[in-house]
Amino acid sequence: MSFYGIAGLFISAYLWCTILWNVGSGYDRFDRKEGVVCIFRWGFPGIKRRVFLRFLMRDIQSIRIQVKEGLFPRRILYMEIRGQGAIPLTRTDEKFFTPREIEQKAAELAYFLRIPMEVF
């Protein structure tokens, strides 16, 4: 029993640190004037605490929506970058988006960037 109690303490400490350090939060900046996309996210403390990605708009291939329905539905918005793969723009644990809201966000972003939108 003490093993499970200690394991629970470690898991709860990890979760509280994740909440307090605001891991995964950040912003996306799309600058059509300069032709640059910047994505910033906060990580865990250490050398790579700040994750800053910068791309040219012409390297973006498409905006992709991944929809998985069922007991635990997931709706994630990705940006396909040439040579880099897919980068998630929404949090993977965010279940508050309805299919219409995520589709609206993807359509607005695809229209702004003038690229195609894919649904998987």
N, C-alpha and C. Protein backbone atom coordinates (compact mmCIF):
# COMPACT_ATOMS: atom_id res chain seq x y z
N MET A 1 0.81 -1.20 0.00
CA MET A 1 0.00 0.00 0.00
C MET A 1 0.86 1.26 0.00
N SER A 2 1.97 1.21 0.70
CA SER A 2 2.81 2.41 0.75
C SER A 2 3.42 2.70 -0.63
N PHE A 3 3.67 1.64 -1.43
CA PHE A 3 4.18 1.86 -2.78
C PHE A 3 3.20 2.67 -3.61
N TYR A 4 1.93 2.32 -3.55
CA TYR A 4 0.92 3.05 -4.32
C TYR A 4 0.74 4.48 -3.80
N GLY A 5 0.87 4.66 -2.50
CA GLY A 5 0.79 6.00 -1.93
C GLY A 5 1.94 6.88 -2.39
N ILE A 6 3.15 6.34 -2.40
CA ILE A 6 4.31 7.10 -2.85
C ILE A 6 4.22 7.37 -4.36
N ALA A 7 3.79 6.37 -5.12
CA ALA A 7 3.62 6.56 -6.56
C ALA A 7 2.58 7.65 -6.83
N GLY A 8 1.49 7.66 -6.07
CA GLY A 8 0.47 8.69 -6.22
C GLY A 8 1.01 10.07 -5.89
N LEU A 9 1.87 10.17 -4.88
CA LEU A 9 2.48 11.46 -4.54
C LEU A 9 3.36 11.98 -5.68
N PHE A 10 4.14 11.09 -6.28
CA PHE A 10 4.99 11.51 -7.40
C PHE A 10 4.16 11.95 -8.60
N ILE A 11 3.12 11.21 -8.90
CA ILE A 11 2.27 11.58 -10.04
C ILE A 11 1.57 12.90 -9.78
N SER A 12 1.07 13.08 -8.56
CA SER A 12 0.39 14.35 -8.27
C SER A 12 1.38 15.52 -8.27
N ALA A 13 2.61 15.30 -7.81
CA ALA A 13 3.62 16.37 -7.85
C ALA A 13 3.95 16.73 -9.29
N TYR A 14 4.06 15.72 -10.16
CA TYR A 14 4.31 15.97 -11.58
C TYR A 14 3.17 16.77 -12.20
N LEU A 15 1.95 16.38 -11.92
CA LEU A 15 0.80 17.09 -12.50
C LEU A 15 0.71 18.53 -11.98
N TRP A 16 0.96 18.73 -10.69
CA TRP A 16 0.90 20.10 -10.14
C TRP A 16 2.02 20.96 -10.73
N CYS A 17 3.19 20.40 -10.91
CA CYS A 17 4.28 21.17 -11.53
C CYS A 17 3.94 21.53 -12.97
N THR A 18 3.32 20.60 -13.69
CA THR A 18 2.90 20.88 -15.06
C THR A 18 1.91 22.02 -15.10
N ILE A 19 0.99 22.05 -14.16
CA ILE A 19 -0.01 23.12 -14.12
C ILE A 19 0.64 24.45 -13.72
N LEU A 20 1.47 24.43 -12.69
CA LEU A 20 2.07 25.67 -12.19
C LEU A 20 3.08 26.27 -13.18
N TRP A 21 3.83 25.42 -13.89
CA TRP A 21 4.81 25.92 -14.86
C TRP A 21 4.17 26.25 -16.20
N ASN A 22 2.88 25.94 -16.33
CA ASN A 22 2.12 26.26 -17.55
C ASN A 22 2.74 25.60 -18.79
N VAL A 23 3.10 24.34 -18.65
CA VAL A 23 3.74 23.59 -19.73
C VAL A 23 2.77 23.42 -20.89
N GLY A 24 3.24 23.70 -22.09
CA GLY A 24 2.43 23.53 -23.28
C GLY A 24 1.71 24.78 -23.73
N SER A 25 1.68 25.80 -22.91
CA SER A 25 1.00 27.03 -23.34
C SER A 25 1.95 27.85 -24.20
N GLY A 26 1.40 28.79 -24.91
CA GLY A 26 2.21 29.62 -25.79
C GLY A 26 1.34 30.35 -26.78
N TYR A 27 1.92 30.70 -27.91
CA TYR A 27 1.17 31.43 -28.92
C TYR A 27 1.67 31.05 -30.31
N ASP A 28 0.83 31.35 -31.30
CA ASP A 28 1.16 31.18 -32.72
C ASP A 28 1.05 32.55 -33.37
N ARG A 29 2.07 32.93 -34.13
CA ARG A 29 2.04 34.22 -34.82
C ARG A 29 2.22 33.98 -36.32
N PHE A 30 1.27 34.47 -37.08
CA PHE A 30 1.30 34.34 -38.53
C PHE A 30 1.45 35.75 -39.11
N ASP A 31 2.60 36.03 -39.72
CA ASP A 31 2.89 37.35 -40.26
C ASP A 31 2.97 37.25 -41.78
N ARG A 32 1.89 37.65 -42.44
CA ARG A 32 1.84 37.56 -43.89
C ARG A 32 2.77 38.58 -44.54
N LYS A 33 2.98 39.72 -43.88
CA LYS A 33 3.82 40.78 -44.43
C LYS A 33 5.27 40.30 -44.60
N GLU A 34 5.79 39.63 -43.57
CA GLU A 34 7.16 39.11 -43.64
C GLU A 34 7.21 37.69 -44.20
N GLY A 35 6.06 37.01 -44.26
CA GLY A 35 6.01 35.64 -44.76
C GLY A 35 6.57 34.63 -43.78
N VAL A 36 6.38 34.89 -42.48
CA VAL A 36 6.97 34.05 -41.44
C VAL A 36 5.87 33.58 -40.48
N VAL A 37 6.01 32.34 -40.03
CA VAL A 37 5.14 31.77 -38.99
C VAL A 37 6.01 31.46 -37.79
N CYS A 38 5.62 31.95 -36.61
CA CYS A 38 6.36 31.69 -35.37
C CYS A 38 5.44 30.95 -34.40
N ILE A 39 5.95 29.88 -33.82
CA ILE A 39 5.21 29.11 -32.83
C ILE A 39 6.06 29.07 -31.57
N PHE A 40 5.47 29.50 -30.46
CA PHE A 40 6.18 29.53 -29.18
C PHE A 40 5.42 28.70 -28.17
N ARG A 41 6.11 27.83 -27.43
CA ARG A 41 5.51 27.02 -26.37
C ARG A 41 6.45 26.99 -25.16
N TRP A 42 5.86 26.93 -23.98
CA TRP A 42 6.62 26.75 -22.75
C TRP A 42 6.79 25.26 -22.48
N GLY A 43 7.95 24.85 -22.03
CA GLY A 43 8.23 23.46 -21.69
C GLY A 43 8.58 23.34 -20.22
N PHE A 44 9.15 22.22 -19.84
CA PHE A 44 9.59 22.03 -18.46
C PHE A 44 10.88 22.82 -18.22
N PRO A 45 11.14 23.25 -16.98
CA PRO A 45 12.36 24.01 -16.69
C PRO A 45 13.61 23.23 -17.08
N GLY A 46 14.57 23.95 -17.54
CA GLY A 46 15.83 23.34 -17.97
C GLY A 46 16.37 24.10 -19.16
N ILE A 47 17.21 23.43 -19.92
CA ILE A 47 17.85 24.05 -21.06
C ILE A 47 16.84 24.41 -22.14
N LYS A 48 15.88 23.53 -22.38
CA LYS A 48 14.91 23.75 -23.45
C LYS A 48 13.55 24.18 -22.90
N ARG A 49 13.53 25.12 -21.98
CA ARG A 49 12.29 25.62 -21.39
C ARG A 49 11.42 26.32 -22.42
N ARG A 50 12.06 27.10 -23.28
CA ARG A 50 11.32 27.84 -24.32
C ARG A 50 11.51 27.13 -25.66
N VAL A 51 10.38 26.75 -26.25
CA VAL A 51 10.41 26.11 -27.57
C VAL A 51 9.91 27.15 -28.56
N PHE A 52 10.78 27.58 -29.47
CA PHE A 52 10.44 28.61 -30.45
C PHE A 52 10.74 28.06 -31.84
N LEU A 53 9.69 27.90 -32.64
CA LEU A 53 9.82 27.40 -34.00
C LEU A 53 9.49 28.53 -34.97
N ARG A 54 10.24 28.61 -36.04
CA ARG A 54 10.03 29.67 -37.03
C ARG A 54 10.12 29.07 -38.43
N PHE A 55 9.09 29.34 -39.27
CA PHE A 55 9.04 28.80 -40.62
C PHE A 55 8.69 29.90 -41.59
N LEU A 56 8.97 29.64 -42.84
CA LEU A 56 8.50 30.50 -43.90
C LEU A 56 7.11 30.02 -44.31
N MET A 57 6.24 30.95 -44.68
CA MET A 57 4.88 30.57 -45.05
C MET A 57 4.85 29.69 -46.29
N ARG A 58 5.81 29.85 -47.17
CA ARG A 58 5.80 29.04 -48.39
C ARG A 58 6.17 27.58 -48.11
N ASP A 59 6.69 27.29 -46.91
CA ASP A 59 7.01 25.91 -46.55
C ASP A 59 5.81 25.16 -45.96
N ILE A 60 4.72 25.85 -45.69
CA ILE A 60 3.53 25.20 -45.13
C ILE A 60 2.78 24.53 -46.28
N GLN A 61 2.53 23.23 -46.12
CA GLN A 61 1.85 22.47 -47.17
C GLN A 61 0.34 22.49 -46.99
N SER A 62 -0.15 22.27 -45.76
CA SER A 62 -1.59 22.22 -45.55
C SER A 62 -1.92 22.33 -44.07
N ILE A 63 -3.19 22.55 -43.80
CA ILE A 63 -3.73 22.50 -42.44
C ILE A 63 -4.52 21.20 -42.36
N ARG A 64 -4.25 20.40 -41.34
CA ARG A 64 -4.87 19.08 -41.23
C ARG A 64 -5.67 18.98 -39.94
N ILE A 65 -6.85 18.41 -40.03
CA ILE A 65 -7.68 18.15 -38.86
C ILE A 65 -7.72 16.65 -38.65
N GLN A 66 -7.37 16.22 -37.44
CA GLN A 66 -7.48 14.81 -37.10
C GLN A 66 -8.65 14.65 -36.14
N VAL A 67 -9.62 13.85 -36.54
CA VAL A 67 -10.83 13.65 -35.75
C VAL A 67 -10.93 12.18 -35.38
N LYS A 68 -11.02 11.90 -34.10
CA LYS A 68 -11.26 10.54 -33.61
C LYS A 68 -12.46 10.61 -32.67
N GLU A 69 -13.52 9.99 -33.06
CA GLU A 69 -14.73 9.97 -32.24
C GLU A 69 -14.77 8.68 -31.44
N GLY A 70 -15.65 8.61 -30.51
CA GLY A 70 -15.80 7.41 -29.69
C GLY A 70 -15.91 7.79 -28.23
N LEU A 71 -15.43 6.91 -27.36
CA LEU A 71 -15.52 7.14 -25.93
C LEU A 71 -14.67 8.34 -25.50
N PHE A 72 -13.48 8.45 -26.08
CA PHE A 72 -12.60 9.58 -25.80
C PHE A 72 -12.33 10.32 -27.10
N PRO A 73 -13.19 11.26 -27.49
CA PRO A 73 -13.02 11.94 -28.78
C PRO A 73 -11.82 12.89 -28.75
N ARG A 74 -11.13 12.96 -29.90
CA ARG A 74 -9.99 13.89 -30.06
C ARG A 74 -10.17 14.65 -31.35
N ARG A 75 -10.00 15.94 -31.28
CA ARG A 75 -10.03 16.79 -32.47
C ARG A 75 -8.81 17.69 -32.39
N ILE A 76 -7.83 17.43 -33.25
CA ILE A 76 -6.55 18.14 -33.19
C ILE A 76 -6.31 18.82 -34.52
N LEU A 77 -5.81 20.03 -34.45
CA LEU A 77 -5.48 20.83 -35.62
C LEU A 77 -3.96 20.80 -35.81
N TYR A 78 -3.51 20.35 -36.99
CA TYR A 78 -2.09 20.26 -37.30
C TYR A 78 -1.75 21.19 -38.45
N MET A 79 -0.48 21.58 -38.51
CA MET A 79 0.05 22.32 -39.64
C MET A 79 1.17 21.48 -40.26
N GLU A 80 1.00 21.10 -41.52
CA GLU A 80 1.99 20.29 -42.23
C GLU A 80 3.08 21.21 -42.78
N ILE A 81 4.32 20.96 -42.37
CA ILE A 81 5.46 21.76 -42.81
C ILE A 81 6.35 20.89 -43.69
N ARG A 82 6.78 21.41 -44.80
CA ARG A 82 7.66 20.69 -45.72
C ARG A 82 8.99 20.40 -45.03
N GLY A 83 9.35 19.13 -44.91
CA GLY A 83 10.61 18.73 -44.30
C GLY A 83 10.57 18.62 -42.79
N GLN A 84 9.48 19.02 -42.13
CA GLN A 84 9.40 18.99 -40.67
C GLN A 84 8.29 18.07 -40.16
N GLY A 85 7.32 17.76 -40.99
CA GLY A 85 6.22 16.92 -40.55
C GLY A 85 5.05 17.76 -40.06
N ALA A 86 4.23 17.17 -39.21
CA ALA A 86 3.03 17.83 -38.70
C ALA A 86 3.30 18.42 -37.32
N ILE A 87 2.89 19.66 -37.13
CA ILE A 87 3.05 20.35 -35.86
C ILE A 87 1.66 20.64 -35.30
N PRO A 88 1.33 20.17 -34.08
CA PRO A 88 0.00 20.43 -33.54
C PRO A 88 -0.17 21.89 -33.16
N LEU A 89 -1.32 22.46 -33.51
CA LEU A 89 -1.62 23.85 -33.17
C LEU A 89 -2.56 23.94 -31.98
N THR A 90 -3.35 22.89 -31.74
CA THR A 90 -4.22 22.86 -30.56
C THR A 90 -3.67 21.81 -29.60
N ARG A 91 -4.05 21.93 -28.37
CA ARG A 91 -3.61 20.96 -27.38
C ARG A 91 -4.26 19.62 -27.66
N THR A 92 -3.53 18.55 -27.42
CA THR A 92 -4.06 17.22 -27.71
C THR A 92 -5.11 16.79 -26.70
N ASP A 93 -5.11 17.39 -25.52
CA ASP A 93 -6.08 17.00 -24.50
C ASP A 93 -7.28 17.95 -24.46
N GLU A 94 -7.38 18.84 -25.39
CA GLU A 94 -8.46 19.82 -25.39
C GLU A 94 -9.72 19.22 -26.02
N LYS A 95 -10.71 18.96 -25.19
CA LYS A 95 -11.93 18.31 -25.66
C LYS A 95 -13.09 19.30 -25.74
N PHE A 96 -12.81 20.57 -25.61
CA PHE A 96 -13.86 21.56 -25.55
C PHE A 96 -14.32 22.02 -26.92
N PHE A 97 -13.57 21.68 -27.95
CA PHE A 97 -13.95 22.10 -29.30
C PHE A 97 -15.01 21.16 -29.86
N THR A 98 -16.05 21.72 -30.39
CA THR A 98 -17.02 20.92 -31.13
C THR A 98 -16.45 20.73 -32.53
N PRO A 99 -16.96 19.77 -33.28
CA PRO A 99 -16.45 19.59 -34.65
C PRO A 99 -16.62 20.85 -35.50
N ARG A 100 -17.69 21.58 -35.28
CA ARG A 100 -17.91 22.81 -36.04
C ARG A 100 -16.88 23.88 -35.70
N GLU A 101 -16.53 24.02 -34.41
CA GLU A 101 -15.55 25.02 -34.00
C GLU A 101 -14.15 24.72 -34.55
N ILE A 102 -13.74 23.45 -34.48
CA ILE A 102 -12.40 23.11 -34.97
C ILE A 102 -12.35 23.26 -36.48
N GLU A 103 -13.45 22.94 -37.17
CA GLU A 103 -13.49 23.11 -38.62
C GLU A 103 -13.46 24.59 -38.99
N GLN A 104 -14.13 25.42 -38.20
CA GLN A 104 -14.14 26.86 -38.44
C GLN A 104 -12.73 27.45 -38.27
N LYS A 105 -12.04 27.04 -37.20
CA LYS A 105 -10.67 27.52 -36.98
C LYS A 105 -9.75 27.10 -38.12
N ALA A 106 -9.87 25.84 -38.55
CA ALA A 106 -9.02 25.35 -39.62
C ALA A 106 -9.32 26.07 -40.93
N ALA A 107 -10.59 26.31 -41.22
CA ALA A 107 -10.95 27.00 -42.46
C ALA A 107 -10.44 28.44 -42.46
N GLU A 108 -10.57 29.14 -41.33
CA GLU A 108 -10.06 30.51 -41.25
C GLU A 108 -8.54 30.56 -41.45
N LEU A 109 -7.83 29.63 -40.83
CA LEU A 109 -6.38 29.60 -40.94
C LEU A 109 -5.94 29.23 -42.36
N ALA A 110 -6.61 28.24 -42.95
CA ALA A 110 -6.27 27.84 -44.32
C ALA A 110 -6.57 28.98 -45.30
N TYR A 111 -7.64 29.70 -45.09
CA TYR A 111 -7.97 30.83 -45.95
C TYR A 111 -6.94 31.95 -45.81
N PHE A 112 -6.54 32.23 -44.57
CA PHE A 112 -5.54 33.28 -44.32
C PHE A 112 -4.20 32.93 -44.95
N LEU A 113 -3.78 31.66 -44.82
CA LEU A 113 -2.49 31.24 -45.35
C LEU A 113 -2.54 30.86 -46.83
N ARG A 114 -3.75 30.75 -47.36
CA ARG A 114 -3.98 30.37 -48.76
C ARG A 114 -3.38 29.00 -49.08
N ILE A 115 -3.73 28.03 -48.24
CA ILE A 115 -3.27 26.65 -48.43
C ILE A 115 -4.48 25.72 -48.28
N PRO A 116 -4.35 24.45 -48.73
CA PRO A 116 -5.49 23.54 -48.62
C PRO A 116 -5.67 23.02 -47.19
N MET A 117 -6.89 22.51 -46.95
CA MET A 117 -7.23 21.93 -45.66
C MET A 117 -7.56 20.46 -45.87
N GLU A 118 -7.03 19.60 -44.98
CA GLU A 118 -7.26 18.15 -45.06
C GLU A 118 -7.94 17.67 -43.79
N VAL A 119 -8.80 16.68 -43.90
CA VAL A 119 -9.48 16.10 -42.75
C VAL A 119 -9.17 14.62 -42.71
N PHE A 120 -8.69 14.12 -41.55
CA PHE A 120 -8.39 12.70 -41.37
C PHE A 120 -9.16 12.16 -40.21
